[in-house]
Amino acid sequence: MTWYICAMNINDDLQTRWWNLEAKLVERFGKKPDMEAILFLIGIQEFGGVHEKFSKEQKQDLMHVATCRLLSQSGFYELEGVDDDGWPHYKQLKELPAMNLMEQESFLRDHVLLYFETINFK
C-alpha cells in the first residue's frame, strides 16, 4: 500500500507541474494548448523558427521532430544531424517500453516538462 501512496504523490506532482506549464503557456500565447500544439511549438523551436506558413505535412514533421527531441532526453533517440533545409534528423537508439494510454500521456508530459526546464522557459 505504501507504493501506491508514493505513486499518487509522484503523479500529483507531475499534474501540478503540468498545470503550472499550461498556465505559463496561456500567459504567453493567450490560450491553453493541447499536446499537439505543445509538440508543434517544440518542433518550431527545434527547427529554428517560424516560416510564413507550414504545410500540413510539415506540421506533422515538426511534431515528429519534437517527439524525437523529447525522447532523446532519455536516450531513446539521438540527433543525427540537420539537412540542407534545416530539418533535424534523429535515429532511434532503443525501443520504447510498452505502456497503456495513461502511462504514455504521463511519460510524454514528463519529457515535455523536462524540455521546458532545460530551455529555461519562464
PDB file of N, CA and C in Angstrom:
ATOM      1  N   MET A   1       0.810  -1.192   0.000  1.00  0.00           N
ATOM      2  CA  MET A   1       0.000   0.000   0.000  1.00  0.00           C
ATOM      3  C   MET A   1       0.858   1.263   0.000  1.00  0.00           C
ATOM      4  N   THR A   2       2.021   1.199   0.579  1.00  0.00           N
ATOM      5  CA  THR A   2       2.909   2.353   0.603  1.00  0.00           C
ATOM      6  C   THR A   2       3.303   2.759  -0.809  1.00  0.00           C
ATOM      7  N   TRP A   3       3.585   1.787  -1.667  1.00  0.00           N
ATOM      8  CA  TRP A   3       3.974   2.107  -3.043  1.00  0.00           C
ATOM      9  C   TRP A   3       2.885   2.893  -3.750  1.00  0.00           C
ATOM     10  N   TYR A   4       1.637   2.509  -3.530  1.00  0.00           N
ATOM     11  CA  TYR A   4       0.505   3.185  -4.169  1.00  0.00           C
ATOM     12  C   TYR A   4       0.447   4.651  -3.755  1.00  0.00           C
ATOM     13  N   ILE A   5       0.639   4.927  -2.480  1.00  0.00           N
ATOM     14  CA  ILE A   5       0.618   6.306  -1.986  1.00  0.00           C
ATOM     15  C   ILE A   5       1.759   7.100  -2.614  1.00  0.00           C
ATOM     16  N   CYS A   6       2.941   6.516  -2.688  1.00  0.00           N
ATOM     17  CA  CYS A   6       4.077   7.200  -3.311  1.00  0.00           C
ATOM     18  C   CYS A   6       3.800   7.482  -4.780  1.00  0.00           C
ATOM     19  N   ALA A   7       3.238   6.519  -5.481  1.00  0.00           N
ATOM     20  CA  ALA A   7       2.935   6.718  -6.899  1.00  0.00           C
ATOM     21  C   ALA A   7       1.930   7.848  -7.073  1.00  0.00           C
ATOM     22  N   MET A   8       0.963   7.926  -6.193  1.00  0.00           N
ATOM     23  CA  MET A   8      -0.022   9.008  -6.282  1.00  0.00           C
ATOM     24  C   MET A   8       0.649  10.356  -6.083  1.00  0.00           C
ATOM     25  N   ASN A   9       1.603  10.441  -5.144  1.00  0.00           N
ATOM     26  CA  ASN A   9       2.309  11.696  -4.919  1.00  0.00           C
ATOM     27  C   ASN A   9       3.118  12.100  -6.135  1.00  0.00           C
ATOM     28  N   ILE A  10       3.759  11.138  -6.770  1.00  0.00           N
ATOM     29  CA  ILE A  10       4.529  11.425  -7.983  1.00  0.00           C
ATOM     30  C   ILE A  10       3.593  11.939  -9.070  1.00  0.00           C
ATOM     31  N   ASN A  11       2.464  11.273  -9.265  1.00  0.00           N
ATOM     32  CA  ASN A  11       1.511  11.706 -10.281  1.00  0.00           C
ATOM     33  C   ASN A  11       0.923  13.066  -9.952  1.00  0.00           C
ATOM     34  N   ASP A  12       0.656  13.314  -8.659  1.00  0.00           N
ATOM     35  CA  ASP A  12       0.143  14.620  -8.254  1.00  0.00           C
ATOM     36  C   ASP A  12       1.156  15.700  -8.576  1.00  0.00           C
ATOM     37  N   ASP A  13       2.438  15.432  -8.306  1.00  0.00           N
ATOM     38  CA  ASP A  13       3.492  16.390  -8.607  1.00  0.00           C
ATOM     39  C   ASP A  13       3.572  16.636 -10.111  1.00  0.00           C
ATOM     40  N   LEU A  14       3.497  15.579 -10.898  1.00  0.00           N
ATOM     41  CA  LEU A  14       3.513  15.713 -12.351  1.00  0.00           C
ATOM     42  C   LEU A  14       2.335  16.575 -12.806  1.00  0.00           C
ATOM     43  N   GLN A  15       1.166  16.317 -12.256  1.00  0.00           N
ATOM     44  CA  GLN A  15      -0.026  17.082 -12.629  1.00  0.00           C
ATOM     45  C   GLN A  15       0.122  18.552 -12.240  1.00  0.00           C
ATOM     46  N   THR A  16       0.645  18.802 -11.070  1.00  0.00           N
ATOM     47  CA  THR A  16       0.843  20.190 -10.620  1.00  0.00           C
ATOM     48  C   THR A  16       1.840  20.903 -11.515  1.00  0.00           C
ATOM     49  N   ARG A  17       2.946  20.259 -11.822  1.00  0.00           N
ATOM     50  CA  ARG A  17       3.948  20.864 -12.709  1.00  0.00           C
ATOM     51  C   ARG A  17       3.363  21.094 -14.097  1.00  0.00           C
ATOM     52  N   TRP A  18       2.514  20.165 -14.568  1.00  0.00           N
ATOM     53  CA  TRP A  18       1.874  20.304 -15.879  1.00  0.00           C
ATOM     54  C   TRP A  18       0.947  21.517 -15.883  1.00  0.00           C
ATOM     55  N   TRP A  19       0.139  21.661 -14.828  1.00  0.00           N
ATOM     56  CA  TRP A  19      -0.768  22.810 -14.744  1.00  0.00           C
ATOM     57  C   TRP A  19       0.011  24.123 -14.718  1.00  0.00           C
ATOM     58  N   ASN A  20       1.147  24.126 -14.035  1.00  0.00           N
ATOM     59  CA  ASN A  20       1.985  25.330 -13.996  1.00  0.00           C
ATOM     60  C   ASN A  20       2.517  25.671 -15.388  1.00  0.00           C
ATOM     61  N   LEU A  21       2.939  24.650 -16.135  1.00  0.00           N
ATOM     62  CA  LEU A  21       3.409  24.887 -17.501  1.00  0.00           C
ATOM     63  C   LEU A  21       2.267  25.404 -18.371  1.00  0.00           C
ATOM     64  N   GLU A  22       1.104  24.775 -18.259  1.00  0.00           N
ATOM     65  CA  GLU A  22      -0.051  25.233 -19.041  1.00  0.00           C
ATOM     66  C   GLU A  22      -0.367  26.696 -18.731  1.00  0.00           C
ATOM     67  N   ALA A  23      -0.300  27.077 -17.468  1.00  0.00           N
ATOM     68  CA  ALA A  23      -0.580  28.468 -17.081  1.00  0.00           C
ATOM     69  C   ALA A  23       0.422  29.425 -17.728  1.00  0.00           C
ATOM     70  N   LYS A  24       1.690  29.034 -17.767  1.00  0.00           N
ATOM     71  CA  LYS A  24       2.709  29.870 -18.406  1.00  0.00           C
ATOM     72  C   LYS A  24       2.453  29.986 -19.912  1.00  0.00           C
ATOM     73  N   LEU A  25       2.050  28.879 -20.536  1.00  0.00           N
ATOM     74  CA  LEU A  25       1.767  28.897 -21.972  1.00  0.00           C
ATOM     75  C   LEU A  25       0.537  29.740 -22.282  1.00  0.00           C
ATOM     76  N   VAL A  26      -0.480  29.672 -21.420  1.00  0.00           N
ATOM     77  CA  VAL A  26      -1.668  30.511 -21.598  1.00  0.00           C
ATOM     78  C   VAL A  26      -1.277  31.981 -21.490  1.00  0.00           C
ATOM     79  N   GLU A  27      -0.427  32.289 -20.504  1.00  0.00           N
ATOM     80  CA  GLU A  27       0.035  33.662 -20.319  1.00  0.00           C
ATOM     81  C   GLU A  27       0.780  34.156 -21.558  1.00  0.00           C
ATOM     82  N   ARG A  28       1.588  33.290 -22.131  1.00  0.00           N
ATOM     83  CA  ARG A  28       2.413  33.664 -23.289  1.00  0.00           C
ATOM     84  C   ARG A  28       1.605  33.729 -24.588  1.00  0.00           C
ATOM     85  N   PHE A  29       0.698  32.760 -24.791  1.00  0.00           N
ATOM     86  CA  PHE A  29       0.023  32.641 -26.083  1.00  0.00           C
ATOM     87  C   PHE A  29      -1.472  32.972 -26.064  1.00  0.00           C
ATOM     88  N   GLY A  30      -2.035  33.184 -24.880  1.00  0.00           N
ATOM     89  CA  GLY A  30      -3.422  33.613 -24.804  1.00  0.00           C
ATOM     90  C   GLY A  30      -4.468  32.516 -24.788  1.00  0.00           C
ATOM     91  N   LYS A  31      -4.047  31.262 -24.932  1.00  0.00           N
ATOM     92  CA  LYS A  31      -4.996  30.156 -24.811  1.00  0.00           C
ATOM     93  C   LYS A  31      -4.264  28.894 -24.396  1.00  0.00           C
ATOM     94  N   LYS A  32      -5.037  27.963 -23.836  1.00  0.00           N
ATOM     95  CA  LYS A  32      -4.450  26.719 -23.334  1.00  0.00           C
ATOM     96  C   LYS A  32      -4.186  25.767 -24.499  1.00  0.00           C
ATOM     97  N   PRO A  33      -2.927  25.398 -24.697  1.00  0.00           N
ATOM     98  CA  PRO A  33      -2.602  24.485 -25.800  1.00  0.00           C
ATOM     99  C   PRO A  33      -2.820  23.025 -25.413  1.00  0.00           C
ATOM    100  N   ASP A  34      -3.222  22.216 -26.393  1.00  0.00           N
ATOM    101  CA  ASP A  34      -3.280  20.770 -26.163  1.00  0.00           C
ATOM    102  C   ASP A  34      -1.904  20.186 -26.467  1.00  0.00           C
ATOM    103  N   MET A  35      -1.768  18.877 -26.316  1.00  0.00           N
ATOM    104  CA  MET A  35      -0.464  18.244 -26.512  1.00  0.00           C
ATOM    105  C   MET A  35       0.050  18.447 -27.937  1.00  0.00           C
ATOM    106  N   GLU A  36      -0.827  18.377 -28.930  1.00  0.00           N
ATOM    107  CA  GLU A  36      -0.389  18.593 -30.318  1.00  0.00           C
ATOM    108  C   GLU A  36       0.188  19.990 -30.502  1.00  0.00           C
ATOM    109  N   ALA A  37      -0.452  20.980 -29.923  1.00  0.00           N
ATOM    110  CA  ALA A  37       0.043  22.360 -30.039  1.00  0.00           C
ATOM    111  C   ALA A  37       1.393  22.507 -29.343  1.00  0.00           C
ATOM    112  N   ILE A  38       1.549  21.856 -28.199  1.00  0.00           N
ATOM    113  CA  ILE A  38       2.823  21.915 -27.480  1.00  0.00           C
ATOM    114  C   ILE A  38       3.918  21.247 -28.297  1.00  0.00           C
ATOM    115  N   LEU A  39       3.618  20.097 -28.889  1.00  0.00           N
ATOM    116  CA  LEU A  39       4.606  19.429 -29.754  1.00  0.00           C
ATOM    117  C   LEU A  39       4.950  20.302 -30.953  1.00  0.00           C
ATOM    118  N   PHE A  40       3.951  20.959 -31.514  1.00  0.00           N
ATOM    119  CA  PHE A  40       4.180  21.863 -32.652  1.00  0.00           C
ATOM    120  C   PHE A  40       5.120  23.005 -32.237  1.00  0.00           C
ATOM    121  N   LEU A  41       4.891  23.591 -31.075  1.00  0.00           N
ATOM    122  CA  LEU A  41       5.755  24.673 -30.572  1.00  0.00           C
ATOM    123  C   LEU A  41       7.191  24.186 -30.367  1.00  0.00           C
ATOM    124  N   ILE A  42       7.332  23.009 -29.782  1.00  0.00           N
ATOM    125  CA  ILE A  42       8.675  22.457 -29.573  1.00  0.00           C
ATOM    126  C   ILE A  42       9.340  22.181 -30.919  1.00  0.00           C
ATOM    127  N   GLY A  43       8.567  21.646 -31.871  1.00  0.00           N
ATOM    128  CA  GLY A  43       9.105  21.389 -33.208  1.00  0.00           C
ATOM    129  C   GLY A  43       9.608  22.652 -33.868  1.00  0.00           C
ATOM    130  N   ILE A  44       8.850  23.723 -33.749  1.00  0.00           N
ATOM    131  CA  ILE A  44       9.276  25.022 -34.318  1.00  0.00           C
ATOM    132  C   ILE A  44      10.561  25.486 -33.642  1.00  0.00           C
ATOM    133  N   GLN A  45      10.608  25.357 -32.326  1.00  0.00           N
ATOM    134  CA  GLN A  45      11.805  25.742 -31.572  1.00  0.00           C
ATOM    135  C   GLN A  45      13.023  24.947 -32.062  1.00  0.00           C
ATOM    136  N   GLU A  46      12.852  23.648 -32.239  1.00  0.00           N
ATOM    137  CA  GLU A  46      13.966  22.793 -32.662  1.00  0.00           C
ATOM    138  C   GLU A  46      14.330  23.010 -34.128  1.00  0.00           C
ATOM    139  N   PHE A  47      13.350  23.365 -34.935  1.00  0.00           N
ATOM    140  CA  PHE A  47      13.599  23.637 -36.351  1.00  0.00           C
ATOM    141  C   PHE A  47      14.353  24.951 -36.512  1.00  0.00           C
ATOM    142  N   GLY A  48      14.098  25.862 -35.586  1.00  0.00           N
ATOM    143  CA  GLY A  48      14.859  27.098 -35.613  1.00  0.00           C
ATOM    144  C   GLY A  48      14.052  28.318 -36.001  1.00  0.00           C
ATOM    145  N   GLY A  49      12.757  28.218 -35.999  1.00  0.00           N
ATOM    146  CA  GLY A  49      11.971  29.412 -36.271  1.00  0.00           C
ATOM    147  C   GLY A  49      10.709  29.139 -37.054  1.00  0.00           C
ATOM    148  N   VAL A  50       9.946  30.196 -37.189  1.00  0.00           N
ATOM    149  CA  VAL A  50       8.644  30.109 -37.851  1.00  0.00           C
ATOM    150  C   VAL A  50       8.786  30.567 -39.301  1.00  0.00           C
ATOM    151  N   HIS A  51       8.205  29.798 -40.185  1.00  0.00           N
ATOM    152  CA  HIS A  51       8.093  30.208 -41.578  1.00  0.00           C
ATOM    153  C   HIS A  51       6.755  30.892 -41.745  1.00  0.00           C
ATOM    154  N   GLU A  52       6.559  31.507 -42.877  1.00  0.00           N
ATOM    155  CA  GLU A  52       5.289  32.183 -43.110  1.00  0.00           C
ATOM    156  C   GLU A  52       4.122  31.221 -42.967  1.00  0.00           C
ATOM    157  N   LYS A  53       4.269  30.030 -43.547  1.00  0.00           N
ATOM    158  CA  LYS A  53       3.198  29.045 -43.453  1.00  0.00           C
ATOM    159  C   LYS A  53       3.787  27.647 -43.612  1.00  0.00           C
ATOM    160  N   PHE A  54       3.391  26.752 -42.713  1.00  0.00           N
ATOM    161  CA  PHE A  54       3.817  25.363 -42.801  1.00  0.00           C
ATOM    162  C   PHE A  54       2.689  24.564 -43.439  1.00  0.00           C
ATOM    163  N   SER A  55       3.050  23.624 -44.313  1.00  0.00           N
ATOM    164  CA  SER A  55       2.053  22.722 -44.889  1.00  0.00           C
ATOM    165  C   SER A  55       1.613  21.733 -43.814  1.00  0.00           C
ATOM    166  N   LYS A  56       0.528  21.026 -44.092  1.00  0.00           N
ATOM    167  CA  LYS A  56       0.042  20.012 -43.142  1.00  0.00           C
ATOM    168  C   LYS A  56       1.129  18.969 -42.885  1.00  0.00           C
ATOM    169  N   GLU A  57       1.809  18.543 -43.930  1.00  0.00           N
ATOM    170  CA  GLU A  57       2.884  17.558 -43.801  1.00  0.00           C
ATOM    171  C   GLU A  57       4.031  18.111 -42.954  1.00  0.00           C
ATOM    172  N   GLN A  58       4.383  19.372 -43.174  1.00  0.00           N
ATOM    173  CA  GLN A  58       5.457  19.983 -42.389  1.00  0.00           C
ATOM    174  C   GLN A  58       5.070  20.100 -40.919  1.00  0.00           C
ATOM    175  N   LYS A  59       3.794  20.389 -40.646  1.00  0.00           N
ATOM    176  CA  LYS A  59       3.330  20.457 -39.257  1.00  0.00           C
ATOM    177  C   LYS A  59       3.479  19.087 -38.588  1.00  0.00           C
ATOM    178  N   GLN A  60       3.141  18.022 -39.317  1.00  0.00           N
ATOM    179  CA  GLN A  60       3.315  16.669 -38.784  1.00  0.00           C
ATOM    180  C   GLN A  60       4.798  16.374 -38.560  1.00  0.00           C
ATOM    181  N   ASP A  61       5.632  16.813 -39.505  1.00  0.00           N
ATOM    182  CA  ASP A  61       7.078  16.619 -39.365  1.00  0.00           C
ATOM    183  C   ASP A  61       7.610  17.356 -38.139  1.00  0.00           C
ATOM    184  N   LEU A  62       7.100  18.567 -37.893  1.00  0.00           N
ATOM    185  CA  LEU A  62       7.526  19.336 -36.724  1.00  0.00           C
ATOM    186  C   LEU A  62       7.164  18.623 -35.428  1.00  0.00           C
ATOM    187  N   MET A  63       5.973  18.020 -35.390  1.00  0.00           N
ATOM    188  CA  MET A  63       5.565  17.284 -34.189  1.00  0.00           C
ATOM    189  C   MET A  63       6.418  16.024 -34.017  1.00  0.00           C
ATOM    190  N   HIS A  64       6.810  15.402 -35.126  1.00  0.00           N
ATOM    191  CA  HIS A  64       7.698  14.235 -35.058  1.00  0.00           C
ATOM    192  C   HIS A  64       9.079  14.651 -34.544  1.00  0.00           C
ATOM    193  N   VAL A  65       9.601  15.762 -35.047  1.00  0.00           N
ATOM    194  CA  VAL A  65      10.888  16.281 -34.580  1.00  0.00           C
ATOM    195  C   VAL A  65      10.813  16.537 -33.077  1.00  0.00           C
ATOM    196  N   ALA A  66       9.709  17.144 -32.636  1.00  0.00           N
ATOM    197  CA  ALA A  66       9.536  17.435 -31.214  1.00  0.00           C
ATOM    198  C   ALA A  66       9.542  16.150 -30.388  1.00  0.00           C
ATOM    199  N   THR A  67       8.817  15.152 -30.837  1.00  0.00           N
ATOM    200  CA  THR A  67       8.745  13.889 -30.111  1.00  0.00           C
ATOM    201  C   THR A  67      10.126  13.247 -30.013  1.00  0.00           C
ATOM    202  N   CYS A  68      10.855  13.234 -31.120  1.00  0.00           N
ATOM    203  CA  CYS A  68      12.207  12.667 -31.109  1.00  0.00           C
ATOM    204  C   CYS A  68      13.118  13.460 -30.170  1.00  0.00           C
ATOM    205  N   ARG A  69      13.009  14.782 -30.223  1.00  0.00           N
ATOM    206  CA  ARG A  69      13.824  15.636 -29.349  1.00  0.00           C
ATOM    207  C   ARG A  69      13.505  15.360 -27.883  1.00  0.00           C
ATOM    208  N   LEU A  70      12.213  15.266 -27.570  1.00  0.00           N
ATOM    209  CA  LEU A  70      11.808  15.000 -26.192  1.00  0.00           C
ATOM    210  C   LEU A  70      12.355  13.663 -25.713  1.00  0.00           C
ATOM    211  N   LEU A  71      12.212  12.638 -26.538  1.00  0.00           N
ATOM    212  CA  LEU A  71      12.625  11.292 -26.132  1.00  0.00           C
ATOM    213  C   LEU A  71      14.139  11.101 -26.193  1.00  0.00           C
ATOM    214  N   SER A  72      14.839  12.029 -26.843  1.00  0.00           N
ATOM    215  CA  SER A  72      16.307  11.967 -26.825  1.00  0.00           C
ATOM    216  C   SER A  72      16.839  12.259 -25.423  1.00  0.00           C
ATOM    217  N   GLN A  73      16.027  12.951 -24.619  1.00  0.00           N
ATOM    218  CA  GLN A  73      16.432  13.258 -23.239  1.00  0.00           C
ATOM    219  C   GLN A  73      16.593  11.991 -22.397  1.00  0.00           C
ATOM    220  N   SER A  74      15.937  10.920 -22.810  1.00  0.00           N
ATOM    221  CA  SER A  74      16.013   9.642 -22.090  1.00  0.00           C
ATOM    222  C   SER A  74      16.778   8.583 -22.873  1.00  0.00           C
ATOM    223  N   GLY A  75      17.448   8.996 -23.931  1.00  0.00           N
ATOM    224  CA  GLY A  75      18.279   8.070 -24.678  1.00  0.00           C
ATOM    225  C   GLY A  75      17.555   7.190 -25.678  1.00  0.00           C
ATOM    226  N   PHE A  76      16.302   7.508 -26.001  1.00  0.00           N
ATOM    227  CA  PHE A  76      15.569   6.713 -26.986  1.00  0.00           C
ATOM    228  C   PHE A  76      15.922   7.124 -28.416  1.00  0.00           C
ATOM    229  N   TYR A  77      16.274   8.381 -28.604  1.00  0.00           N
ATOM    230  CA  TYR A  77      16.647   8.901 -29.917  1.00  0.00           C
ATOM    231  C   TYR A  77      17.927   9.712 -29.773  1.00  0.00           C
ATOM    232  N   GLU A  78      18.596   9.899 -30.917  1.00  0.00           N
ATOM    233  CA  GLU A  78      19.810  10.702 -30.958  1.00  0.00           C
ATOM    234  C   GLU A  78      19.780  11.549 -32.224  1.00  0.00           C
ATOM    235  N   LEU A  79      20.165  12.796 -32.093  1.00  0.00           N
ATOM    236  CA  LEU A  79      20.224  13.675 -33.257  1.00  0.00           C
ATOM    237  C   LEU A  79      21.345  13.211 -34.182  1.00  0.00           C
ATOM    238  N   GLU A  80      20.979  12.912 -35.425  1.00  0.00           N
ATOM    239  CA  GLU A  80      21.986  12.501 -36.419  1.00  0.00           C
ATOM    240  C   GLU A  80      22.593  13.710 -37.108  1.00  0.00           C
ATOM    241  N   GLY A  81      21.781  14.720 -37.309  1.00  0.00           N
ATOM    242  CA  GLY A  81      22.264  15.914 -37.979  1.00  0.00           C
ATOM    243  C   GLY A  81      21.094  16.719 -38.510  1.00  0.00           C
ATOM    244  N   VAL A  82      21.441  17.771 -39.228  1.00  0.00           N
ATOM    245  CA  VAL A  82      20.446  18.669 -39.806  1.00  0.00           C
ATOM    246  C   VAL A  82      20.663  18.700 -41.310  1.00  0.00           C
ATOM    247  N   ASP A  83      19.572  18.576 -42.065  1.00  0.00           N
ATOM    248  CA  ASP A  83      19.718  18.567 -43.524  1.00  0.00           C
ATOM    249  C   ASP A  83      19.881  19.990 -44.070  1.00  0.00           C
ATOM    250  N   ASP A  84      20.033  20.110 -45.381  1.00  0.00           N
ATOM    251  CA  ASP A  84      20.283  21.399 -46.036  1.00  0.00           C
ATOM    252  C   ASP A  84      19.142  22.392 -45.853  1.00  0.00           C
ATOM    253  N   ASP A  85      17.932  21.879 -45.592  1.00  0.00           N
ATOM    254  CA  ASP A  85      16.780  22.758 -45.390  1.00  0.00           C
ATOM    255  C   ASP A  85      16.580  23.126 -43.915  1.00  0.00           C
ATOM    256  N   GLY A  86      17.466  22.656 -43.056  1.00  0.00           N
ATOM    257  CA  GLY A  86      17.394  22.995 -41.647  1.00  0.00           C
ATOM    258  C   GLY A  86      16.597  22.028 -40.784  1.00  0.00           C
ATOM    259  N   TRP A  87      16.161  20.904 -41.366  1.00  0.00           N
ATOM    260  CA  TRP A  87      15.359  19.930 -40.609  1.00  0.00           C
ATOM    261  C   TRP A  87      16.262  18.986 -39.816  1.00  0.00           C
ATOM    262  N   PRO A  88      16.039  18.894 -38.506  1.00  0.00           N
ATOM    263  CA  PRO A  88      16.794  17.924 -37.695  1.00  0.00           C
ATOM    264  C   PRO A  88      16.350  16.492 -38.020  1.00  0.00           C
ATOM    265  N   HIS A  89      17.302  15.585 -38.004  1.00  0.00           N
ATOM    266  CA  HIS A  89      17.015  14.167 -38.232  1.00  0.00           C
ATOM    267  C   HIS A  89      17.551  13.355 -37.058  1.00  0.00           C
ATOM    268  N   TYR A  90      16.694  12.471 -36.554  1.00  0.00           N
ATOM    269  CA  TYR A  90      17.019  11.653 -35.389  1.00  0.00           C
ATOM    270  C   TYR A  90      17.050  10.191 -35.768  1.00  0.00           C
ATOM    271  N   LYS A  91      17.841   9.427 -35.016  1.00  0.00           N
ATOM    272  CA  LYS A  91      17.805   7.972 -35.185  1.00  0.00           C
ATOM    273  C   LYS A  91      17.391   7.368 -33.858  1.00  0.00           C
ATOM    274  N   GLN A  92      16.590   6.312 -33.952  1.00  0.00           N
ATOM    275  CA  GLN A  92      16.113   5.635 -32.754  1.00  0.00           C
ATOM    276  C   GLN A  92      17.209   4.726 -32.229  1.00  0.00           C
ATOM    277  N   LEU A  93      17.481   4.828 -30.929  1.00  0.00           N
ATOM    278  CA  LEU A  93      18.539   4.036 -30.307  1.00  0.00           C
ATOM    279  C   LEU A  93      18.005   2.803 -29.587  1.00  0.00           C
ATOM    280  N   LYS A  94      16.794   2.913 -29.039  1.00  0.00           N
ATOM    281  CA  LYS A  94      16.203   1.773 -28.336  1.00  0.00           C
ATOM    282  C   LYS A  94      14.689   1.863 -28.420  1.00  0.00           C
ATOM    283  N   GLU A  95      14.065   0.719 -28.232  1.00  0.00           N
ATOM    284  CA  GLU A  95      12.599   0.637 -28.293  1.00  0.00           C
ATOM    285  C   GLU A  95      11.986   1.303 -27.079  1.00  0.00           C
ATOM    286  N   LEU A  96      10.844   1.916 -27.294  1.00  0.00           N
ATOM    287  CA  LEU A  96      10.089   2.479 -26.182  1.00  0.00           C
ATOM    288  C   LEU A  96       9.423   1.350 -25.408  1.00  0.00           C
ATOM    289  N   PRO A  97       9.296   1.505 -24.094  1.00  0.00           N
ATOM    290  CA  PRO A  97       8.630   0.456 -23.313  1.00  0.00           C
ATOM    291  C   PRO A  97       7.142   0.393 -23.643  1.00  0.00           C
ATOM    292  N   ALA A  98       6.564  -0.775 -23.455  1.00  0.00           N
ATOM    293  CA  ALA A  98       5.126  -0.936 -23.666  1.00  0.00           C
ATOM    294  C   ALA A  98       4.395  -0.188 -22.556  1.00  0.00           C
ATOM    295  N   MET A  99       3.447   0.657 -22.948  1.00  0.00           N
ATOM    296  CA  MET A  99       2.697   1.457 -21.977  1.00  0.00           C
ATOM    297  C   MET A  99       1.250   1.566 -22.428  1.00  0.00           C
ATOM    298  N   ASN A 100       0.364   1.665 -21.444  1.00  0.00           N
ATOM    299  CA  ASN A 100      -1.024   1.946 -21.795  1.00  0.00           C
ATOM    300  C   ASN A 100      -1.155   3.445 -22.082  1.00  0.00           C
ATOM    301  N   LEU A 101      -2.331   3.873 -22.494  1.00  0.00           N
ATOM    302  CA  LEU A 101      -2.533   5.256 -22.915  1.00  0.00           C
ATOM    303  C   LEU A 101      -2.229   6.257 -21.797  1.00  0.00           C
ATOM    304  N   MET A 102      -2.666   5.962 -20.588  1.00  0.00           N
ATOM    305  CA  MET A 102      -2.409   6.865 -19.456  1.00  0.00           C
ATOM    306  C   MET A 102      -0.904   6.968 -19.164  1.00  0.00           C
ATOM    307  N   GLU A 103      -0.207   5.851 -19.218  1.00  0.00           N
ATOM    308  CA  GLU A 103       1.232   5.854 -18.984  1.00  0.00           C
ATOM    309  C   GLU A 103       1.958   6.627 -20.085  1.00  0.00           C
ATOM    310  N   GLN A 104       1.514   6.461 -21.336  1.00  0.00           N
ATOM    311  CA  GLN A 104       2.114   7.205 -22.455  1.00  0.00           C
ATOM    312  C   GLN A 104       1.960   8.712 -22.248  1.00  0.00           C
ATOM    313  N   GLU A 105       0.764   9.122 -21.832  1.00  0.00           N
ATOM    314  CA  GLU A 105       0.492  10.541 -21.598  1.00  0.00           C
ATOM    315  C   GLU A 105       1.406  11.097 -20.504  1.00  0.00           C
ATOM    316  N   SER A 106       1.534  10.378 -19.405  1.00  0.00           N
ATOM    317  CA  SER A 106       2.404  10.824 -18.310  1.00  0.00           C
ATOM    318  C   SER A 106       3.868  10.843 -18.745  1.00  0.00           C
ATOM    319  N   PHE A 107       4.276   9.824 -19.481  1.00  0.00           N
ATOM    320  CA  PHE A 107       5.647   9.728 -19.986  1.00  0.00           C
ATOM    321  C   PHE A 107       5.977  10.924 -20.860  1.00  0.00           C
ATOM    322  N   LEU A 108       5.070  11.247 -21.777  1.00  0.00           N
ATOM    323  CA  LEU A 108       5.297  12.381 -22.684  1.00  0.00           C
ATOM    324  C   LEU A 108       5.254  13.698 -21.916  1.00  0.00           C
ATOM    325  N   ARG A 109       4.302  13.850 -21.012  1.00  0.00           N
ATOM    326  CA  ARG A 109       4.220  15.079 -20.214  1.00  0.00           C
ATOM    327  C   ARG A 109       5.501  15.296 -19.413  1.00  0.00           C
ATOM    328  N   ASP A 110       6.022  14.238 -18.825  1.00  0.00           N
ATOM    329  CA  ASP A 110       7.254  14.342 -18.055  1.00  0.00           C
ATOM    330  C   ASP A 110       8.402  14.828 -18.931  1.00  0.00           C
ATOM    331  N   HIS A 111       8.475  14.323 -20.148  1.00  0.00           N
ATOM    332  CA  HIS A 111       9.522  14.743 -21.074  1.00  0.00           C
ATOM    333  C   HIS A 111       9.317  16.189 -21.542  1.00  0.00           C
ATOM    334  N   VAL A 112       8.075  16.594 -21.736  1.00  0.00           N
ATOM    335  CA  VAL A 112       7.783  17.983 -22.104  1.00  0.00           C
ATOM    336  C   VAL A 112       8.222  18.909 -20.969  1.00  0.00           C
ATOM    337  N   LEU A 113       7.894  18.547 -19.742  1.00  0.00           N
ATOM    338  CA  LEU A 113       8.280  19.366 -18.589  1.00  0.00           C
ATOM    339  C   LEU A 113       9.800  19.477 -18.487  1.00  0.00           C
ATOM    340  N   LEU A 114      10.498  18.376 -18.672  1.00  0.00           N
ATOM    341  CA  LEU A 114      11.958  18.389 -18.640  1.00  0.00           C
ATOM    342  C   LEU A 114      12.505  19.307 -19.728  1.00  0.00           C
ATOM    343  N   TYR A 115      11.932  19.226 -20.918  1.00  0.00           N
ATOM    344  CA  TYR A 115      12.369  20.074 -22.031  1.00  0.00           C
ATOM    345  C   TYR A 115      12.238  21.555 -21.669  1.00  0.00           C
ATOM    346  N   PHE A 116      11.066  21.946 -21.163  1.00  0.00           N
ATOM    347  CA  PHE A 116      10.852  23.355 -20.844  1.00  0.00           C
ATOM    348  C   PHE A 116      11.741  23.814 -19.688  1.00  0.00           C
ATOM    349  N   GLU A 117      12.063  22.912 -18.751  1.00  0.00           N
ATOM    350  CA  GLU A 117      13.012  23.243 -17.695  1.00  0.00           C
ATOM    351  C   GLU A 117      14.404  23.442 -18.286  1.00  0.00           C
ATOM    352  N   THR A 118      14.772  22.572 -19.217  1.00  0.00           N
ATOM    353  CA  THR A 118      16.092  22.612 -19.836  1.00  0.00           C
ATOM    354  C   THR A 118      16.323  23.903 -20.610  1.00  0.00           C
ATOM    355  N   ILE A 119      15.277  24.387 -21.286  1.00  0.00           N
ATOM    356  CA  ILE A 119      15.447  25.616 -22.079  1.00  0.00           C
ATOM    357  C   ILE A 119      15.160  26.869 -21.243  1.00  0.00           C
ATOM    358  N   ASN A 120      14.923  26.670 -19.931  1.00  0.00           N
ATOM    359  CA  ASN A 120      14.656  27.792 -19.014  1.00  0.00           C
ATOM    360  C   ASN A 120      13.433  28.605 -19.410  1.00  0.00           C
ATOM    361  N   PHE A 121      12.367  27.944 -19.754  1.00  0.00           N
ATOM    362  CA  PHE A 121      11.132  28.630 -20.128  1.00  0.00           C
ATOM    363  C   PHE A 121      10.501  29.229 -18.876  1.00  0.00           C
ATOM    364  N   LYS A 122      10.220  30.526 -18.952  1.00  0.00           N
ATOM    365  CA  LYS A 122       9.611  31.212 -17.797  1.00  0.00           C
ATOM    366  C   LYS A 122       8.360  31.929 -18.208  1.00  0.00           C
TER     367      LYS A 122
END
